[in-house]
Amino acid sequence: MEKDFSSLYSSADKQIMRDASDALNAKIDRVEEVKNFARQAGVTTIGIAHCTAVKGEAQQLQNELKALGFKVVKVDCKYGRVPFTDIVDGYKGVACNPAGQAQFLAEHHTQLNIMMGLCVGHDMIFNARSKAPVTPLLVKDRVFKHHPRLHFLETE
């Protein structure tokens, strides 16, 4: 019995699939592909949710996107400077705030959110709470300098 997978996709999902396919170009890097996708999808406001460890890269991306005419809203993981103990009893320091990042970007009506370097778990919360579609651009990997594919190359 064949399954009808097409029923799993909403009209918005199908539009994302079309735009992603139309923006695809095997000769460009991921950053350029995200820019192409945003243009193809008619996105005007882009959110960047990033870890403070990659604030330089987030700023560079913001500058590049603004130069292309996009409105860009950027928020780092320590948004709100929330004491960790306010979220989880007994923990110290300033917590990362992925739910707050998602809320901040929603309040600014972003149409596409780019995630850069959020911790494991925090990325899950951000994705679950984001009102706009999310694409990861840079994933945190402290050992392999944010390039986790190297793990597989080293263990071959």
Protein backbone atom coordinates (compact mmCIF):
# COMPACT_ATOMS: atom_id res chain seq x y z
CA MET A 1 0.00 0.00 0.00
CA GLU A 2 1.43 3.39 -1.02
CA LYS A 3 1.27 6.25 1.40
CA ASP A 4 0.05 9.68 0.34
CA PHE A 5 2.84 11.85 1.68
CA SER A 6 1.58 14.93 -0.15
CA SER A 7 -1.18 15.28 2.43
CA LEU A 8 1.50 15.89 5.08
CA TYR A 9 2.35 19.25 3.48
CA SER A 10 0.36 22.43 3.99
CA SER A 11 0.17 25.01 1.22
CA ALA A 12 2.83 27.03 3.08
CA ASP A 13 5.08 23.94 3.24
CA LYS A 14 4.63 23.37 -0.48
CA GLN A 15 5.58 27.00 -1.20
CA ILE A 16 8.75 26.59 0.88
CA MET A 17 9.58 23.43 -1.08
CA ARG A 18 9.08 25.30 -4.39
CA ASP A 19 11.15 28.28 -3.28
CA ALA A 20 13.94 26.05 -1.96
CA SER A 21 14.06 24.11 -5.21
CA ASP A 22 14.01 27.29 -7.31
CA ALA A 23 16.81 28.83 -5.20
CA LEU A 24 19.03 25.74 -5.40
CA ASN A 25 22.38 26.24 -7.08
CA ALA A 26 25.11 23.64 -6.56
CA LYS A 27 27.81 26.20 -7.38
CA ILE A 28 27.19 28.50 -4.40
CA ASP A 29 27.80 28.13 -0.68
CA ARG A 30 25.13 27.83 2.00
CA VAL A 31 25.15 31.54 2.88
CA GLU A 32 24.49 32.48 -0.74
CA GLU A 33 21.83 29.77 -0.99
CA VAL A 34 19.99 31.22 2.02
CA LYS A 35 20.12 34.66 0.39
CA ASN A 36 18.75 33.19 -2.86
CA PHE A 37 15.99 31.41 -0.96
CA ALA A 38 14.98 34.60 0.85
CA ARG A 39 14.82 36.54 -2.43
CA GLN A 40 12.91 33.73 -4.16
CA ALA A 41 10.42 33.51 -1.29
CA GLY A 42 9.82 37.26 -1.24
CA VAL A 43 11.13 37.58 2.30
CA THR A 44 11.79 41.16 3.40
CA THR A 45 12.52 40.71 7.14
CA ILE A 46 15.06 38.16 8.33
CA GLY A 47 15.85 37.23 11.92
CA ILE A 48 19.21 36.01 13.14
CA ALA A 49 19.27 34.09 16.44
CA HIS A 50 22.86 33.51 17.46
CA CYS A 51 25.17 32.47 20.25
CA THR A 52 27.43 35.17 21.67
CA ALA A 53 30.39 32.98 20.61
CA VAL A 54 29.61 33.73 16.95
CA LYS A 55 28.61 37.39 17.26
CA GLY A 56 31.20 38.42 14.66
CA GLU A 57 29.83 36.01 12.08
CA ALA A 58 26.26 37.08 12.91
CA GLN A 59 27.22 40.73 12.42
CA GLN A 60 28.89 39.95 9.10
CA LEU A 61 25.77 38.11 7.92
CA GLN A 62 23.57 40.99 9.05
CA ASN A 63 25.73 43.43 7.06
CA GLU A 64 25.59 41.24 3.94
CA LEU A 65 21.81 40.83 4.16
CA LYS A 66 21.23 44.55 4.76
CA ALA A 67 23.41 45.35 1.72
CA LEU A 68 20.95 43.27 -0.32
CA GLY A 69 18.01 45.30 0.97
CA PHE A 70 16.69 42.95 3.64
CA LYS A 71 15.53 44.25 7.00
CA VAL A 72 17.50 42.23 9.56
CA VAL A 73 16.71 41.71 13.24
CA LYS A 74 19.47 40.07 15.27
CA VAL A 75 19.27 38.71 18.82
CA ASP A 76 21.92 36.89 20.85
CA CYS A 77 21.41 33.98 23.20
CA LYS A 78 21.78 36.05 26.37
CA TYR A 79 18.78 38.21 25.43
CA GLY A 80 17.12 39.56 28.57
CA ARG A 81 20.11 38.62 30.76
CA VAL A 82 17.90 36.06 32.55
CA PRO A 83 19.42 34.58 35.71
CA PHE A 84 19.70 30.82 35.14
CA THR A 85 18.12 30.14 38.52
CA ASP A 86 14.94 31.87 37.25
CA ILE A 87 14.60 29.06 34.69
CA VAL A 88 16.13 26.09 36.50
CA ASP A 89 16.45 26.10 40.29
CA GLY A 90 19.98 25.86 41.59
CA TYR A 91 21.77 26.83 38.38
CA LYS A 92 24.09 29.83 38.37
CA GLY A 93 25.01 32.49 35.88
CA VAL A 94 23.12 34.07 33.02
CA ALA A 95 21.00 31.59 31.07
CA CYS A 96 20.76 31.32 27.34
CA ASN A 97 17.25 32.32 26.35
CA PRO A 98 16.17 30.53 23.14
CA ALA A 99 12.46 30.95 23.88
CA GLY A 100 13.09 34.66 24.41
CA GLN A 101 15.02 34.85 21.14
CA ALA A 102 12.08 33.28 19.29
CA GLN A 103 9.61 35.62 20.97
CA PHE A 104 11.75 38.69 20.18
CA LEU A 105 11.96 37.76 16.50
CA ALA A 106 8.20 37.06 16.37
CA GLU A 107 7.54 40.50 17.88
CA HIS A 108 9.61 41.96 15.03
CA HIS A 109 7.60 40.01 12.44
CA THR A 110 10.50 38.15 10.87
CA GLN A 111 9.57 35.99 7.90
CA LEU A 112 12.65 33.75 7.98
CA ASN A 113 14.92 33.03 10.95
CA ILE A 114 18.54 32.00 10.62
CA MET A 115 20.02 30.10 13.55
CA MET A 116 23.74 30.44 14.24
CA GLY A 117 25.65 28.48 16.88
CA LEU A 118 22.92 27.78 19.44
CA CYS A 119 23.71 25.00 21.90
CA VAL A 120 22.19 21.53 21.59
CA GLY A 121 18.80 21.70 23.28
CA HIS A 122 18.63 25.46 22.97
CA ASP A 123 18.38 25.01 19.19
CA MET A 124 15.46 22.63 19.75
CA ILE A 125 13.61 25.14 21.91
CA PHE A 126 14.26 27.95 19.42
CA ASN A 127 13.01 25.84 16.51
CA ALA A 128 9.90 24.77 18.40
CA ARG A 129 9.05 28.33 19.48
CA SER A 130 9.88 30.21 16.28
CA LYS A 131 6.85 31.58 14.44
CA ALA A 132 8.83 31.92 11.19
CA PRO A 133 10.57 29.07 9.36
CA VAL A 134 14.09 28.42 10.69
CA THR A 135 17.20 27.43 8.79
CA PRO A 136 20.44 26.52 10.56
CA LEU A 137 23.47 28.25 9.12
CA LEU A 138 26.10 27.44 11.70
CA VAL A 139 25.86 24.73 14.34
CA LYS A 140 27.84 24.78 17.56
CA ASP A 141 30.71 22.34 17.86
CA ARG A 142 33.36 23.38 20.34
CA VAL A 143 35.83 20.66 19.35
CA PHE A 144 35.61 21.00 15.57
CA LYS A 145 35.21 24.79 15.42
CA HIS A 146 31.52 24.64 14.44
CA HIS A 147 32.10 22.03 11.74
CA PRO A 148 30.66 18.76 13.16
CA ARG A 149 31.12 16.89 9.88
CA LEU A 150 34.79 16.60 10.84
CA HIS A 151 33.76 14.08 13.52
CA PHE A 152 32.78 11.62 10.79
CA LEU A 153 35.88 12.29 8.71
CA GLU A 154 38.12 11.63 11.73
CA THR A 155 36.39 8.36 12.61
CA GLU A 156 36.47 6.80 9.14
